[in-house]
N, C-alpha and C. Protein backbone atom coordinates (compact mmCIF):
# COMPACT_ATOMS: atom_id res chain seq x y z
N MET A 1 -95.62 75.94 38.93
CA MET A 1 -94.27 76.73 39.04
C MET A 1 -94.93 78.31 38.07
N PRO A 2 -95.63 79.18 38.74
CA PRO A 2 -96.20 80.68 38.11
C PRO A 2 -96.08 80.64 36.58
N ARG A 3 -96.81 80.95 36.04
CA ARG A 3 -96.92 81.57 34.34
C ARG A 3 -97.48 83.02 34.48
N LYS A 4 -96.83 83.98 33.93
CA LYS A 4 -97.07 85.50 33.63
C LYS A 4 -96.67 85.65 31.66
N ASP A 5 -97.75 85.57 31.04
CA ASP A 5 -97.68 85.81 30.03
C ASP A 5 -96.66 85.04 29.00
N GLY A 6 -96.80 83.68 29.24
CA GLY A 6 -96.63 82.31 28.59
C GLY A 6 -95.31 82.29 29.22
N LYS A 7 -94.28 82.76 30.13
CA LYS A 7 -93.07 82.35 30.64
C LYS A 7 -93.55 82.12 31.92
N MET A 8 -92.37 81.16 32.24
CA MET A 8 -92.21 81.09 34.15
C MET A 8 -91.58 81.97 34.70
N VAL A 9 -92.38 81.95 35.84
CA VAL A 9 -91.44 83.35 36.76
C VAL A 9 -91.91 82.59 38.17
N CYS A 10 -90.62 83.15 38.50
CA CYS A 10 -90.48 82.70 40.27
C CYS A 10 -91.57 82.82 40.84
N LEU A 11 -91.52 81.82 42.12
CA LEU A 11 -92.80 81.76 42.81
C LEU A 11 -92.64 83.24 44.30
N ASN A 12 -91.25 83.24 44.30
CA ASN A 12 -90.92 84.76 45.13
C ASN A 12 -90.53 85.97 44.76
N HIS A 13 -90.61 85.95 42.90
CA HIS A 13 -90.47 87.24 42.76
C HIS A 13 -91.29 87.05 41.18
N PRO A 14 -92.93 87.13 41.15
CA PRO A 14 -93.29 86.93 40.20
C PRO A 14 -92.90 87.98 38.91
N GLU A 15 -92.11 89.23 39.13
CA GLU A 15 -91.91 89.95 37.97
C GLU A 15 -90.60 89.55 37.77
N LEU A 16 -90.10 88.15 37.51
CA LEU A 16 -88.43 87.82 36.96
C LEU A 16 -89.10 86.85 36.51
N GLU A 17 -88.48 86.28 35.35
CA GLU A 17 -88.73 84.89 34.80
C GLU A 17 -87.86 84.16 35.03
N MET A 18 -87.88 82.64 35.24
CA MET A 18 -86.82 81.60 35.57
C MET A 18 -86.06 81.13 34.22
N ILE A 19 -84.96 80.97 34.79
CA ILE A 19 -84.34 80.75 33.80
C ILE A 19 -84.15 79.31 33.42
N PRO A 20 -84.04 78.39 32.51
CA PRO A 20 -83.42 77.16 32.17
C PRO A 20 -81.93 76.90 32.93
N GLN A 21 -81.68 75.92 33.26
CA GLN A 21 -80.45 75.64 33.61
C GLN A 21 -79.90 74.42 32.86
N ASN A 22 -79.10 74.47 31.71
CA ASN A 22 -79.12 73.72 30.69
C ASN A 22 -77.55 74.36 30.13
N GLU A 23 -76.98 75.15 30.69
CA GLU A 23 -75.59 75.76 30.07
C GLU A 23 -76.11 76.25 28.84
N GLY A 24 -77.17 76.98 28.45
CA GLY A 24 -77.36 77.71 27.00
C GLY A 24 -77.57 76.89 25.90
N ASN A 25 -78.12 75.69 26.31
CA ASN A 25 -77.89 74.26 25.02
C ASN A 25 -79.38 73.96 25.55
N GLU A 26 -80.37 74.57 24.34
CA GLU A 26 -81.81 73.90 24.57
C GLU A 26 -82.13 72.30 24.67
N GLY A 27 -80.68 71.74 23.69
CA GLY A 27 -80.93 70.19 23.63
C GLY A 27 -80.49 69.31 24.92
N THR A 28 -79.85 70.21 25.94
CA THR A 28 -79.57 69.57 27.19
C THR A 28 -80.94 69.21 28.43
N PHE A 29 -80.41 68.66 29.29
CA PHE A 29 -81.47 68.09 30.27
C PHE A 29 -80.41 67.55 31.57
N HIS A 30 -81.08 67.49 32.42
CA HIS A 30 -80.70 66.86 33.53
C HIS A 30 -81.43 64.78 34.15
N VAL A 31 -80.47 64.44 34.32
CA VAL A 31 -80.96 62.96 34.58
C VAL A 31 -80.42 62.55 36.04
N ILE A 32 -82.32 61.61 36.50
CA ILE A 32 -81.70 61.18 37.98
C ILE A 32 -81.74 59.56 37.55
N ARG A 33 -80.78 59.13 37.95
CA ARG A 33 -80.67 57.55 38.04
C ARG A 33 -81.40 56.32 39.11
N LEU A 34 -81.91 55.78 38.31
CA LEU A 34 -82.81 54.71 39.30
C LEU A 34 -81.83 54.18 40.64
N ALA A 35 -81.93 53.77 41.28
CA ALA A 35 -80.96 52.87 42.46
C ALA A 35 -82.51 52.41 43.79
N THR A 36 -81.68 51.00 43.90
CA THR A 36 -82.36 50.46 45.10
C THR A 36 -81.31 49.95 46.05
N LEU A 37 -82.24 49.86 46.88
CA LEU A 37 -81.19 49.96 48.03
C LEU A 37 -80.91 48.09 48.85
N SER A 38 -80.12 47.74 48.88
CA SER A 38 -80.37 46.13 48.99
C SER A 38 -80.53 45.77 50.53
N ARG A 39 -80.95 44.50 50.87
CA ARG A 39 -80.83 44.20 51.97
C ARG A 39 -79.79 44.64 53.10
N HIS A 40 -78.47 44.70 52.96
CA HIS A 40 -77.60 44.98 53.53
C HIS A 40 -76.78 46.18 53.21
N GLY A 41 -77.57 47.23 52.73
CA GLY A 41 -77.42 49.14 52.82
C GLY A 41 -76.77 49.26 52.20
N ARG A 42 -76.41 48.39 50.85
CA ARG A 42 -75.62 49.22 49.77
C ARG A 42 -76.43 49.83 48.55
N ILE A 43 -75.97 51.01 47.96
CA ILE A 43 -77.12 51.52 46.74
C ILE A 43 -76.74 50.47 45.50
N GLU A 44 -77.19 50.16 44.88
CA GLU A 44 -77.29 49.34 43.54
C GLU A 44 -77.73 50.43 42.32
N MET A 45 -77.11 50.87 41.67
CA MET A 45 -77.56 51.27 40.72
C MET A 45 -78.42 50.93 39.39
N THR A 46 -79.41 51.42 38.95
CA THR A 46 -79.63 50.34 37.77
C THR A 46 -79.51 51.21 36.06
N ASN A 47 -79.84 50.61 35.28
CA ASN A 47 -80.00 51.19 33.87
C ASN A 47 -80.76 51.81 33.74
N LYS A 48 -81.41 52.35 34.58
CA LYS A 48 -82.87 53.18 33.86
C LYS A 48 -82.83 54.78 34.47
N SER A 49 -83.23 55.49 34.13
CA SER A 49 -83.30 56.68 34.51
C SER A 49 -84.14 57.64 34.05
N THR A 50 -84.16 58.98 34.88
CA THR A 50 -85.54 59.90 34.47
C THR A 50 -84.96 61.28 33.74
N GLY A 51 -85.34 61.67 32.72
CA GLY A 51 -85.04 62.91 32.26
C GLY A 51 -85.97 64.00 32.96
N PHE A 52 -85.21 65.22 33.27
CA PHE A 52 -86.10 66.68 33.76
C PHE A 52 -85.27 67.67 33.37
N ASP A 53 -86.13 68.94 33.66
CA ASP A 53 -85.62 70.43 33.70
C ASP A 53 -85.60 70.84 34.28
N VAL A 54 -84.74 71.59 34.79
CA VAL A 54 -84.78 72.48 35.98
C VAL A 54 -84.77 74.20 35.65
N TYR A 55 -85.53 74.81 36.48
CA TYR A 55 -85.46 76.05 36.12
C TYR A 55 -85.39 76.95 37.27
N SER A 56 -84.41 78.15 37.20
CA SER A 56 -84.41 78.60 38.65
C SER A 56 -84.40 80.12 38.61
N CYS A 57 -84.57 81.10 39.63
CA CYS A 57 -84.78 82.30 39.73
C CYS A 57 -83.50 82.77 40.29
N ARG A 58 -83.13 84.06 39.25
CA ARG A 58 -81.48 84.47 39.14
C ARG A 58 -81.21 85.53 40.44
N GLU A 59 -82.15 85.91 41.09
CA GLU A 59 -82.63 86.29 42.43
C GLU A 59 -82.34 85.86 44.08
N CYS A 60 -82.82 84.90 43.76
CA CYS A 60 -83.20 83.97 45.40
C CYS A 60 -82.80 82.33 44.93
N GLY A 61 -82.60 82.01 44.03
CA GLY A 61 -81.98 80.42 43.77
C GLY A 61 -83.12 79.83 43.97
N TYR A 62 -84.42 79.98 44.16
CA TYR A 62 -85.59 79.24 43.96
C TYR A 62 -85.09 78.10 43.09
N CYS A 63 -85.90 76.87 43.03
CA CYS A 63 -85.57 76.11 41.17
C CYS A 63 -86.88 75.16 41.47
N GLU A 64 -87.17 75.11 40.13
CA GLU A 64 -87.91 73.94 40.25
C GLU A 64 -88.04 72.61 39.38
N THR A 65 -87.92 71.45 39.09
CA THR A 65 -87.84 70.48 38.19
C THR A 65 -89.47 70.41 37.30
N TYR A 66 -89.16 69.88 36.25
CA TYR A 66 -89.92 69.24 35.26
C TYR A 66 -89.79 68.45 34.67
N LEU A 67 -90.39 67.21 34.19
CA LEU A 67 -89.83 66.04 33.65
C LEU A 67 -89.98 66.53 32.27
N THR A 68 -88.87 65.88 31.41
CA THR A 68 -88.86 66.40 30.03
C THR A 68 -90.17 66.19 29.18
N ALA A 69 -90.54 66.46 27.94
CA ALA A 69 -91.68 65.85 27.14
C ALA A 69 -91.77 64.63 26.92
N GLU A 70 -90.31 64.10 26.85
CA GLU A 70 -90.53 62.58 26.56
C GLU A 70 -90.71 61.69 27.48
N GLU A 71 -90.32 62.27 29.08
CA GLU A 71 -90.43 61.45 29.80
C GLU A 71 -92.39 61.71 30.05
N LEU A 72 -93.02 62.78 30.08
CA LEU A 72 -94.31 63.08 30.03
C LEU A 72 -95.24 62.05 28.68
N ASP A 73 -94.40 61.92 28.27
CA ASP A 73 -95.09 60.74 26.92
C ASP A 73 -95.08 59.32 27.16
N LEU A 74 -94.33 59.24 27.98
CA LEU A 74 -94.02 57.59 28.93
C LEU A 74 -95.18 57.34 29.97
N LEU A 75 -95.62 58.57 30.89
CA LEU A 75 -96.25 58.39 31.51
C LEU A 75 -97.26 58.39 30.98
N ARG A 76 -98.04 59.02 29.71
CA ARG A 76 -99.03 59.39 29.34
C ARG A 76 -99.52 57.88 28.72
N LYS A 77 -98.65 56.92 28.52
CA LYS A 77 -98.88 55.55 27.67
C LYS A 77 -98.73 54.64 28.85
N LYS A 78 -98.68 54.94 30.33
CA LYS A 78 -98.96 53.56 31.14
C LYS A 78 -100.78 53.76 31.48
């Protein structure tokens, strides 16, 4: 995601700041649950998940996802 003056801006509209999709609450984030595909083609959900933040352009809807700070810390420790 391009940055301009310390703000995340749209790839298609570099004059527009991307906005976080967090319902106006900075403490919220999105989660993707980890799943496995069984031999029989069934999806089995696990108790593991990954947290991420979503930013989008209000003009064109372009969006990008970024791991939360906590997820980045876990990656750095591996």
